Amino acid sequence: MKDPSACVFAGQMNEFARGVSKDDAKAARFYERACELQWAPGCYNLAIMYERGTGVPQDRAKAGELYQEACTAGAPQSCEKAKEMHEPPPLPFLEGGRLPI
């Protein structure tokens, strides 16, 4: 596919089972193609999938790179997410708010 907006549309169809069977891995491939074509929504949607580990292995570093690509390509909502991905994840708190020693 050479039309990035069509790639994003196809990705959304697969991700949200709109007229086709749900297939997150296929959705990720469509988003990846749109991102390769420098379409910010494709990079943004693929970043979300990497952040969550939906259809692709979970990878915060890759998500951060993709959010940055989307930000650079003109998706302002991605800029804050890119910053968040470069920060360490929050520590899990156990009962009583204490971490084990």
PDB file of N, CA and C in Angstrom:
ATOM      1  N   MET A   1       0.839  -1.182   0.000  1.00  0.00           N
ATOM      2  CA  MET A   1       0.000   0.000   0.000  1.00  0.00           C
ATOM      3  C   MET A   1       0.883   1.244   0.000  1.00  0.00           C
ATOM      4  N   LYS A   2       0.525   2.214  -0.776  1.00  0.00           N
ATOM      5  CA  LYS A   2       1.322   3.434  -0.866  1.00  0.00           C
ATOM      6  C   LYS A   2       0.627   4.641  -0.260  1.00  0.00           C
ATOM      7  N   ASP A   3      -0.637   4.507   0.120  1.00  0.00           N
ATOM      8  CA  ASP A   3      -1.394   5.608   0.713  1.00  0.00           C
ATOM      9  C   ASP A   3      -1.387   5.442   2.231  1.00  0.00           C
ATOM     10  N   PRO A   4      -0.668   6.313   2.956  1.00  0.00           N
ATOM     11  CA  PRO A   4      -0.555   6.128   4.402  1.00  0.00           C
ATOM     12  C   PRO A   4      -1.883   6.237   5.148  1.00  0.00           C
ATOM     13  N   SER A   5      -2.777   7.080   4.670  1.00  0.00           N
ATOM     14  CA  SER A   5      -4.072   7.190   5.358  1.00  0.00           C
ATOM     15  C   SER A   5      -4.888   5.906   5.170  1.00  0.00           C
ATOM     16  N   ALA A   6      -4.749   5.269   4.010  1.00  0.00           N
ATOM     17  CA  ALA A   6      -5.427   3.984   3.786  1.00  0.00           C
ATOM     18  C   ALA A   6      -4.826   2.909   4.685  1.00  0.00           C
ATOM     19  N   CYS A   7      -3.517   2.975   4.913  1.00  0.00           N
ATOM     20  CA  CYS A   7      -2.870   2.020   5.818  1.00  0.00           C
ATOM     21  C   CYS A   7      -3.411   2.168   7.232  1.00  0.00           C
ATOM     22  N   VAL A   8      -3.555   3.405   7.695  1.00  0.00           N
ATOM     23  CA  VAL A   8      -4.085   3.638   9.042  1.00  0.00           C
ATOM     24  C   VAL A   8      -5.525   3.151   9.113  1.00  0.00           C
ATOM     25  N   PHE A   9      -6.300   3.428   8.091  1.00  0.00           N
ATOM     26  CA  PHE A   9      -7.690   2.977   8.064  1.00  0.00           C
ATOM     27  C   PHE A   9      -7.748   1.450   8.132  1.00  0.00           C
ATOM     28  N   ALA A  10      -6.910   0.777   7.340  1.00  0.00           N
ATOM     29  CA  ALA A  10      -6.878  -0.688   7.352  1.00  0.00           C
ATOM     30  C   ALA A  10      -6.415  -1.201   8.718  1.00  0.00           C
ATOM     31  N   GLY A  11      -5.461  -0.516   9.317  1.00  0.00           N
ATOM     32  CA  GLY A  11      -5.009  -0.888  10.651  1.00  0.00           C
ATOM     33  C   GLY A  11      -6.120  -0.790  11.675  1.00  0.00           C
ATOM     34  N   GLN A  12      -6.882   0.289  11.607  1.00  0.00           N
ATOM     35  CA  GLN A  12      -7.997   0.468  12.542  1.00  0.00           C
ATOM     36  C   GLN A  12      -9.077  -0.585  12.319  1.00  0.00           C
ATOM     37  N   MET A  13      -9.316  -0.945  11.064  1.00  0.00           N
ATOM     38  CA  MET A  13     -10.302  -1.998  10.784  1.00  0.00           C
ATOM     39  C   MET A  13      -9.893  -3.299  11.463  1.00  0.00           C
ATOM     40  N   ASN A  14      -8.606  -3.632  11.368  1.00  0.00           N
ATOM     41  CA  ASN A  14      -8.112  -4.872  11.967  1.00  0.00           C
ATOM     42  C   ASN A  14      -8.024  -4.774  13.485  1.00  0.00           C
ATOM     43  N   GLU A  15      -7.604  -3.645  13.998  1.00  0.00           N
ATOM     44  CA  GLU A  15      -7.460  -3.492  15.447  1.00  0.00           C
ATOM     45  C   GLU A  15      -8.811  -3.536  16.156  1.00  0.00           C
ATOM     46  N   PHE A  16      -9.817  -2.929  15.548  1.00  0.00           N
ATOM     47  CA  PHE A  16     -11.121  -2.809  16.202  1.00  0.00           C
ATOM     48  C   PHE A  16     -12.203  -3.683  15.577  1.00  0.00           C
ATOM     49  N   ALA A  17     -11.804  -4.640  14.726  1.00  0.00           N
ATOM     50  CA  ALA A  17     -12.728  -5.601  14.099  1.00  0.00           C
ATOM     51  C   ALA A  17     -13.889  -4.904  13.400  1.00  0.00           C
ATOM     52  N   ARG A  18     -13.574  -3.962  12.548  1.00  0.00           N
ATOM     53  CA  ARG A  18     -14.583  -3.239  11.774  1.00  0.00           C
ATOM     54  C   ARG A  18     -14.662  -3.834  10.370  1.00  0.00           C
ATOM     55  N   GLY A  19     -15.571  -4.789  10.194  1.00  0.00           N
ATOM     56  CA  GLY A  19     -15.760  -5.413   8.888  1.00  0.00           C
ATOM     57  C   GLY A  19     -14.802  -6.561   8.601  1.00  0.00           C
ATOM     58  N   VAL A  20     -13.856  -6.786   9.482  1.00  0.00           N
ATOM     59  CA  VAL A  20     -12.907  -7.890   9.356  1.00  0.00           C
ATOM     60  C   VAL A  20     -12.701  -8.498  10.743  1.00  0.00           C
ATOM     61  N   SER A  21     -12.107  -9.672  10.779  1.00  0.00           N
ATOM     62  CA  SER A  21     -11.793 -10.287  12.071  1.00  0.00           C
ATOM     63  C   SER A  21     -10.701  -9.477  12.774  1.00  0.00           C
ATOM     64  N   LYS A  22     -10.784  -9.404  14.072  1.00  0.00           N
ATOM     65  CA  LYS A  22      -9.779  -8.680  14.852  1.00  0.00           C
ATOM     66  C   LYS A  22      -8.433  -9.353  14.678  1.00  0.00           C
ATOM     67  N   ASP A  23      -7.417  -8.563  14.326  1.00  0.00           N
ATOM     68  CA  ASP A  23      -6.065  -9.087  14.133  1.00  0.00           C
ATOM     69  C   ASP A  23      -5.081  -7.973  14.477  1.00  0.00           C
ATOM     70  N   ASP A  24      -4.640  -7.950  15.730  1.00  0.00           N
ATOM     71  CA  ASP A  24      -3.754  -6.884  16.187  1.00  0.00           C
ATOM     72  C   ASP A  24      -2.401  -6.904  15.487  1.00  0.00           C
ATOM     73  N   ALA A  25      -1.880  -8.084  15.196  1.00  0.00           N
ATOM     74  CA  ALA A  25      -0.588  -8.166  14.510  1.00  0.00           C
ATOM     75  C   ALA A  25      -0.684  -7.557  13.107  1.00  0.00           C
ATOM     76  N   LYS A  26      -1.773  -7.830  12.428  1.00  0.00           N
ATOM     77  CA  LYS A  26      -1.986  -7.261  11.091  1.00  0.00           C
ATOM     78  C   LYS A  26      -2.165  -5.743  11.185  1.00  0.00           C
ATOM     79  N   ALA A  27      -2.898  -5.295  12.199  1.00  0.00           N
ATOM     80  CA  ALA A  27      -3.077  -3.854  12.415  1.00  0.00           C
ATOM     81  C   ALA A  27      -1.721  -3.189  12.595  1.00  0.00           C
ATOM     82  N   ALA A  28      -0.858  -3.805  13.391  1.00  0.00           N
ATOM     83  CA  ALA A  28       0.474  -3.241  13.636  1.00  0.00           C
ATOM     84  C   ALA A  28       1.262  -3.127  12.331  1.00  0.00           C
ATOM     85  N   ARG A  29       1.143  -4.117  11.463  1.00  0.00           N
ATOM     86  CA  ARG A  29       1.856  -4.063  10.178  1.00  0.00           C
ATOM     87  C   ARG A  29       1.337  -2.907   9.318  1.00  0.00           C
ATOM     88  N   PHE A  30       0.023  -2.689   9.314  1.00  0.00           N
ATOM     89  CA  PHE A  30      -0.523  -1.556   8.552  1.00  0.00           C
ATOM     90  C   PHE A  30      -0.038  -0.224   9.138  1.00  0.00           C
ATOM     91  N   TYR A  31      -0.051  -0.119  10.463  1.00  0.00           N
ATOM     92  CA  TYR A  31       0.430   1.116  11.101  1.00  0.00           C
ATOM     93  C   TYR A  31       1.910   1.327  10.809  1.00  0.00           C
ATOM     94  N   GLU A  32       2.670   0.231  10.820  1.00  0.00           N
ATOM     95  CA  GLU A  32       4.102   0.330  10.537  1.00  0.00           C
ATOM     96  C   GLU A  32       4.333   0.861   9.126  1.00  0.00           C
ATOM     97  N   ARG A  33       3.547   0.372   8.178  1.00  0.00           N
ATOM     98  CA  ARG A  33       3.679   0.851   6.790  1.00  0.00           C
ATOM     99  C   ARG A  33       3.360   2.339   6.700  1.00  0.00           C
ATOM    100  N   ALA A  34       2.297   2.780   7.385  1.00  0.00           N
ATOM    101  CA  ALA A  34       1.945   4.199   7.380  1.00  0.00           C
ATOM    102  C   ALA A  34       3.062   5.031   8.001  1.00  0.00           C
ATOM    103  N   CYS A  35       3.675   4.508   9.052  1.00  0.00           N
ATOM    104  CA  CYS A  35       4.773   5.208   9.707  1.00  0.00           C
ATOM    105  C   CYS A  35       5.980   5.290   8.777  1.00  0.00           C
ATOM    106  N   GLU A  36       6.263   4.199   8.057  1.00  0.00           N
ATOM    107  CA  GLU A  36       7.356   4.214   7.078  1.00  0.00           C
ATOM    108  C   GLU A  36       7.140   5.298   6.029  1.00  0.00           C
ATOM    109  N   LEU A  37       5.870   5.577   5.739  1.00  0.00           N
ATOM    110  CA  LEU A  37       5.515   6.618   4.772  1.00  0.00           C
ATOM    111  C   LEU A  37       5.411   7.992   5.442  1.00  0.00           C
ATOM    112  N   GLN A  38       5.897   8.070   6.689  1.00  0.00           N
ATOM    113  CA  GLN A  38       5.982   9.307   7.474  1.00  0.00           C
ATOM    114  C   GLN A  38       4.629   9.931   7.771  1.00  0.00           C
ATOM    115  N   TRP A  39       3.646   9.088   8.033  1.00  0.00           N
ATOM    116  CA  TRP A  39       2.301   9.533   8.389  1.00  0.00           C
ATOM    117  C   TRP A  39       2.163   9.444   9.900  1.00  0.00           C
ATOM    118  N   ALA A  40       2.049  10.599  10.555  1.00  0.00           N
ATOM    119  CA  ALA A  40       2.061  10.678  12.015  1.00  0.00           C
ATOM    120  C   ALA A  40       1.041   9.745  12.688  1.00  0.00           C
ATOM    121  N   PRO A  41      -0.207   9.653  12.208  1.00  0.00           N
ATOM    122  CA  PRO A  41      -1.158   8.751  12.873  1.00  0.00           C
ATOM    123  C   PRO A  41      -0.715   7.291  12.867  1.00  0.00           C
ATOM    124  N   GLY A  42      -0.008   6.868  11.830  1.00  0.00           N
ATOM    125  CA  GLY A  42       0.499   5.505  11.793  1.00  0.00           C
ATOM    126  C   GLY A  42       1.542   5.279  12.873  1.00  0.00           C
ATOM    127  N   CYS A  43       2.470   6.217  13.008  1.00  0.00           N
ATOM    128  CA  CYS A  43       3.508   6.119  14.044  1.00  0.00           C
ATOM    129  C   CYS A  43       2.879   6.146  15.429  1.00  0.00           C
ATOM    130  N   TYR A  44       1.909   7.030  15.615  1.00  0.00           N
ATOM    131  CA  TYR A  44       1.254   7.171  16.921  1.00  0.00           C
ATOM    132  C   TYR A  44       0.517   5.880  17.307  1.00  0.00           C
ATOM    133  N   ASN A  45      -0.260   5.350  16.387  1.00  0.00           N
ATOM    134  CA  ASN A  45      -1.010   4.123  16.682  1.00  0.00           C
ATOM    135  C   ASN A  45      -0.078   2.939  16.924  1.00  0.00           C
ATOM    136  N   LEU A  46       1.010   2.858  16.167  1.00  0.00           N
ATOM    137  CA  LEU A  46       1.976   1.786  16.368  1.00  0.00           C
ATOM    138  C   LEU A  46       2.676   1.948  17.715  1.00  0.00           C
ATOM    139  N   ALA A  47       2.961   3.174  18.104  1.00  0.00           N
ATOM    140  CA  ALA A  47       3.580   3.431  19.409  1.00  0.00           C
ATOM    141  C   ALA A  47       2.687   2.930  20.539  1.00  0.00           C
ATOM    142  N   ILE A  48       1.397   3.179  20.421  1.00  0.00           N
ATOM    143  CA  ILE A  48       0.454   2.702  21.442  1.00  0.00           C
ATOM    144  C   ILE A  48       0.519   1.180  21.533  1.00  0.00           C
ATOM    145  N   MET A  49       0.592   0.527  20.386  1.00  0.00           N
ATOM    146  CA  MET A  49       0.635  -0.934  20.386  1.00  0.00           C
ATOM    147  C   MET A  49       1.910  -1.444  21.058  1.00  0.00           C
ATOM    148  N   TYR A  50       3.041  -0.801  20.797  1.00  0.00           N
ATOM    149  CA  TYR A  50       4.291  -1.197  21.461  1.00  0.00           C
ATOM    150  C   TYR A  50       4.244  -0.890  22.949  1.00  0.00           C
ATOM    151  N   GLU A  51       3.658   0.222  23.304  1.00  0.00           N
ATOM    152  CA  GLU A  51       3.556   0.574  24.718  1.00  0.00           C
ATOM    153  C   GLU A  51       2.742  -0.474  25.481  1.00  0.00           C
ATOM    154  N   ARG A  52       1.666  -0.931  24.874  1.00  0.00           N
ATOM    155  CA  ARG A  52       0.760  -1.890  25.528  1.00  0.00           C
ATOM    156  C   ARG A  52       1.144  -3.352  25.282  1.00  0.00           C
ATOM    157  N   GLY A  53       1.944  -3.595  24.246  1.00  0.00           N
ATOM    158  CA  GLY A  53       2.253  -4.969  23.884  1.00  0.00           C
ATOM    159  C   GLY A  53       1.090  -5.640  23.192  1.00  0.00           C
ATOM    160  N   THR A  54       0.384  -4.891  22.372  1.00  0.00           N
ATOM    161  CA  THR A  54      -0.775  -5.396  21.641  1.00  0.00           C
ATOM    162  C   THR A  54      -0.389  -5.639  20.188  1.00  0.00           C
ATOM    163  N   GLY A  55      -0.358  -6.899  19.777  1.00  0.00           N
ATOM    164  CA  GLY A  55      -0.021  -7.225  18.395  1.00  0.00           C
ATOM    165  C   GLY A  55       1.468  -7.235  18.105  1.00  0.00           C
ATOM    166  N   VAL A  56       2.249  -6.719  19.040  1.00  0.00           N
ATOM    167  CA  VAL A  56       3.710  -6.669  18.967  1.00  0.00           C
ATOM    168  C   VAL A  56       4.240  -6.892  20.378  1.00  0.00           C
ATOM    169  N   PRO A  57       5.502  -7.276  20.516  1.00  0.00           N
ATOM    170  CA  PRO A  57       6.050  -7.406  21.875  1.00  0.00           C
ATOM    171  C   PRO A  57       6.076  -6.039  22.576  1.00  0.00           C
ATOM    172  N   GLN A  58       5.771  -6.018  23.861  1.00  0.00           N
ATOM    173  CA  GLN A  58       5.800  -4.757  24.599  1.00  0.00           C
ATOM    174  C   GLN A  58       7.235  -4.243  24.628  1.00  0.00           C
ATOM    175  N   ASP A  59       7.413  -2.957  24.285  1.00  0.00           N
ATOM    176  CA  ASP A  59       8.750  -2.371  24.200  1.00  0.00           C
ATOM    177  C   ASP A  59       8.632  -0.859  24.401  1.00  0.00           C
ATOM    178  N   ARG A  60       8.900  -0.407  25.632  1.00  0.00           N
ATOM    179  CA  ARG A  60       8.787   1.024  25.946  1.00  0.00           C
ATOM    180  C   ARG A  60       9.766   1.869  25.131  1.00  0.00           C
ATOM    181  N   ALA A  61      10.964   1.357  24.900  1.00  0.00           N
ATOM    182  CA  ALA A  61      11.954   2.119  24.138  1.00  0.00           C
ATOM    183  C   ALA A  61      11.474   2.340  22.702  1.00  0.00           C
ATOM    184  N   LYS A  62      10.968   1.280  22.081  1.00  0.00           N
ATOM    185  CA  LYS A  62      10.446   1.389  20.711  1.00  0.00           C
ATOM    186  C   LYS A  62       9.239   2.319  20.677  1.00  0.00           C
ATOM    187  N   ALA A  63       8.373   2.210  21.691  1.00  0.00           N
ATOM    188  CA  ALA A  63       7.210   3.103  21.769  1.00  0.00           C
ATOM    189  C   ALA A  63       7.668   4.554  21.835  1.00  0.00           C
ATOM    190  N   GLY A  64       8.691   4.819  22.652  1.00  0.00           N
ATOM    191  CA  GLY A  64       9.211   6.183  22.766  1.00  0.00           C
ATOM    192  C   GLY A  64       9.739   6.713  21.447  1.00  0.00           C
ATOM    193  N   GLU A  65      10.462   5.863  20.714  1.00  0.00           N
ATOM    194  CA  GLU A  65      10.977   6.270  19.395  1.00  0.00           C
ATOM    195  C   GLU A  65       9.836   6.603  18.440  1.00  0.00           C
ATOM    196  N   LEU A  66       8.806   5.767  18.464  1.00  0.00           N
ATOM    197  CA  LEU A  66       7.673   5.978  17.559  1.00  0.00           C
ATOM    198  C   LEU A  66       6.864   7.209  17.945  1.00  0.00           C
ATOM    199  N   TYR A  67       6.680   7.434  19.252  1.00  0.00           N
ATOM    200  CA  TYR A  67       5.994   8.658  19.681  1.00  0.00           C
ATOM    201  C   TYR A  67       6.792   9.881  19.216  1.00  0.00           C
ATOM    202  N   GLN A  68       8.130   9.807  19.308  1.00  0.00           N
ATOM    203  CA  GLN A  68       8.954  10.921  18.859  1.00  0.00           C
ATOM    204  C   GLN A  68       8.819  11.132  17.357  1.00  0.00           C
ATOM    205  N   GLU A  69       8.795  10.040  16.589  1.00  0.00           N
ATOM    206  CA  GLU A  69       8.591  10.162  15.137  1.00  0.00           C
ATOM    207  C   GLU A  69       7.257  10.836  14.844  1.00  0.00           C
ATOM    208  N   ALA A  70       6.218  10.414  15.551  1.00  0.00           N
ATOM    209  CA  ALA A  70       4.889  11.007  15.343  1.00  0.00           C
ATOM    210  C   ALA A  70       4.894  12.473  15.718  1.00  0.00           C
ATOM    211  N   CYS A  71       5.582  12.811  16.799  1.00  0.00           N
ATOM    212  CA  CYS A  71       5.681  14.211  17.227  1.00  0.00           C
ATOM    213  C   CYS A  71       6.362  15.043  16.146  1.00  0.00           C
ATOM    214  N   THR A  72       7.482  14.539  15.657  1.00  0.00           N
ATOM    215  CA  THR A  72       8.238  15.243  14.609  1.00  0.00           C
ATOM    216  C   THR A  72       7.415  15.383  13.337  1.00  0.00           C
ATOM    217  N   ALA A  73       6.566  14.379  13.077  1.00  0.00           N
ATOM    218  CA  ALA A  73       5.743  14.398  11.860  1.00  0.00           C
ATOM    219  C   ALA A  73       4.483  15.250  12.016  1.00  0.00           C
ATOM    220  N   GLY A  74       4.261  15.805  13.220  1.00  0.00           N
ATOM    221  CA  GLY A  74       3.151  16.740  13.369  1.00  0.00           C
ATOM    222  C   GLY A  74       1.993  16.286  14.227  1.00  0.00           C
ATOM    223  N   ALA A  75       2.179  15.272  15.051  1.00  0.00           N
ATOM    224  CA  ALA A  75       1.114  14.830  15.967  1.00  0.00           C
ATOM    225  C   ALA A  75       1.460  15.320  17.377  1.00  0.00           C
ATOM    226  N   PRO A  76       0.944  16.494  17.768  1.00  0.00           N
ATOM    227  CA  PRO A  76       1.356  17.085  19.046  1.00  0.00           C
ATOM    228  C   PRO A  76       1.049  16.225  20.266  1.00  0.00           C
ATOM    229  N   GLN A  77       0.004  15.395  20.217  1.00  0.00           N
ATOM    230  CA  GLN A  77      -0.322  14.547  21.366  1.00  0.00           C
ATOM    231  C   GLN A  77       0.796  13.528  21.612  1.00  0.00           C
ATOM    232  N   SER A  78       1.615  13.280  20.609  1.00  0.00           N
ATOM    233  CA  SER A  78       2.713  12.324  20.735  1.00  0.00           C
ATOM    234  C   SER A  78       3.904  12.895  21.488  1.00  0.00           C
ATOM    235  N   CYS A  79       4.044  14.206  21.499  1.00  0.00           N
ATOM    236  CA  CYS A  79       5.228  14.827  22.095  1.00  0.00           C
ATOM    237  C   CYS A  79       5.318  14.540  23.589  1.00  0.00           C
ATOM    238  N   GLU A  80       4.232  14.682  24.305  1.00  0.00           N
ATOM    239  CA  GLU A  80       4.219  14.412  25.736  1.00  0.00           C
ATOM    240  C   GLU A  80       4.439  12.922  26.003  1.00  0.00           C
ATOM    241  N   LYS A  81       3.836  12.076  25.186  1.00  0.00           N
ATOM    242  CA  LYS A  81       4.016  10.635  25.349  1.00  0.00           C
ATOM    243  C   LYS A  81       5.488  10.251  25.113  1.00  0.00           C
ATOM    244  N   ALA A  82       6.144  10.906  24.161  1.00  0.00           N
ATOM    245  CA  ALA A  82       7.561  10.625  23.900  1.00  0.00           C
ATOM    246  C   ALA A  82       8.387  10.934  25.141  1.00  0.00           C
ATOM    247  N   LYS A  83       8.098  12.044  25.794  1.00  0.00           N
ATOM    248  CA  LYS A  83       8.813  12.410  27.023  1.00  0.00           C
ATOM    249  C   LYS A  83       8.565  11.367  28.111  1.00  0.00           C
ATOM    250  N   GLU A  84       7.317  10.949  28.265  1.00  0.00           N
ATOM    251  CA  GLU A  84       6.964   9.948  29.279  1.00  0.00           C
ATOM    252  C   GLU A  84       7.718   8.638  29.066  1.00  0.00           C
ATOM    253  N   MET A  85       7.892   8.236  27.815  1.00  0.00           N
ATOM    254  CA  MET A  85       8.543   6.961  27.529  1.00  0.00           C
ATOM    255  C   MET A  85      10.032   6.988  27.875  1.00  0.00           C
ATOM    256  N   HIS A  86      10.614   8.192  27.920  1.00  0.00           N
ATOM    257  CA  HIS A  86      12.037   8.307  28.251  1.00  0.00           C
ATOM    258  C   HIS A  86      12.271   8.390  29.751  1.00  0.00           C
ATOM    259  N   GLU A  87      11.188   8.489  30.515  1.00  0.00           N
ATOM    260  CA  GLU A  87      11.298   8.481  31.969  1.00  0.00           C
ATOM    261  C   GLU A  87      11.199   7.037  32.444  1.00  0.00           C
ATOM    262  N   PRO A  88      11.842   6.724  33.564  1.00  0.00           N
ATOM    263  CA  PRO A  88      11.700   5.345  34.059  1.00  0.00           C
ATOM    264  C   PRO A  88      10.260   5.069  34.462  1.00  0.00           C
ATOM    265  N   PRO A  89       9.814   3.820  34.302  1.00  0.00           N
ATOM    266  CA  PRO A  89       8.433   3.503  34.687  1.00  0.00           C
ATOM    267  C   PRO A  89       8.267   3.663  36.195  1.00  0.00           C
ATOM    268  N   PRO A  90       7.059   3.973  36.647  1.00  0.00           N
ATOM    269  CA  PRO A  90       6.836   4.132  38.085  1.00  0.00           C
ATOM    270  C   PRO A  90       7.090   2.813  38.818  1.00  0.00           C
ATOM    271  N   LEU A  91       7.612   2.945  40.026  1.00  0.00           N
ATOM    272  CA  LEU A  91       7.863   1.754  40.836  1.00  0.00           C
ATOM    273  C   LEU A  91       6.560   1.216  41.380  1.00  0.00           C
ATOM    274  N   PRO A  92       6.431  -0.091  41.413  1.00  0.00           N
ATOM    275  CA  PRO A  92       5.214  -0.668  42.005  1.00  0.00           C
ATOM    276  C   PRO A  92       5.292  -0.578  43.527  1.00  0.00           C
ATOM    277  N   PHE A  93       4.211  -0.192  44.132  1.00  0.00           N
ATOM    278  CA  PHE A  93       4.166  -0.122  45.593  1.00  0.00           C
ATOM    279  C   PHE A  93       3.437  -1.328  46.122  1.00  0.00           C
ATOM    280  N   LEU A  94       3.960  -1.850  47.174  1.00  0.00           N
ATOM    281  CA  LEU A  94       3.359  -3.015  47.811  1.00  0.00           C
ATOM    282  C   LEU A  94       2.462  -2.550  48.949  1.00  0.00           C
ATOM    283  N   GLU A  95       1.825  -3.478  49.559  1.00  0.00           N
ATOM    284  CA  GLU A  95       0.933  -3.177  50.676  1.00  0.00           C
ATOM    285  C   GLU A  95       1.664  -2.317  51.693  1.00  0.00           C
ATOM    286  N   GLY A  96       1.032  -1.261  52.122  1.00  0.00           N
ATOM    287  CA  GLY A  96       1.656  -0.349  53.080  1.00  0.00           C
ATOM    288  C   GLY A  96       2.564   0.677  52.425  1.00  0.00           C
ATOM    289  N   GLY A  97       2.643   0.659  51.104  1.00  0.00           N
ATOM    290  CA  GLY A  97       3.447   1.656  50.401  1.00  0.00           C
ATOM    291  C   GLY A  97       4.940   1.431  50.520  1.00  0.00           C
ATOM    292  N   ARG A  98       5.375   0.223  50.870  1.00  0.00           N
ATOM    293  CA  ARG A  98       6.794  -0.057  51.034  1.00  0.00           C
ATOM    294  C   ARG A  98       7.270  -1.063  49.997  1.00  0.00           C
ATOM    295  N   LEU A  99       8.498  -0.853  49.577  1.00  0.00           N
ATOM    296  CA  LEU A  99       9.127  -1.810  48.680  1.00  0.00           C
ATOM    297  C   LEU A  99       9.918  -2.808  49.515  1.00  0.00           C
ATOM    298  N   PRO A 100      10.075  -4.025  49.043  1.00  0.00           N
ATOM    299  CA  PRO A 100      10.854  -5.001  49.808  1.00  0.00           C
ATOM    300  C   PRO A 100      12.315  -4.585  49.874  1.00  0.00           C
ATOM    301  N   ILE A 101      12.971  -4.954  50.944  1.00  0.00           N
ATOM    302  CA  ILE A 101      14.387  -4.608  51.134  1.00  0.00           C
ATOM    303  C   ILE A 101      15.239  -5.808  50.809  1.00  0.00           C
TER     304      ILE A 101
END
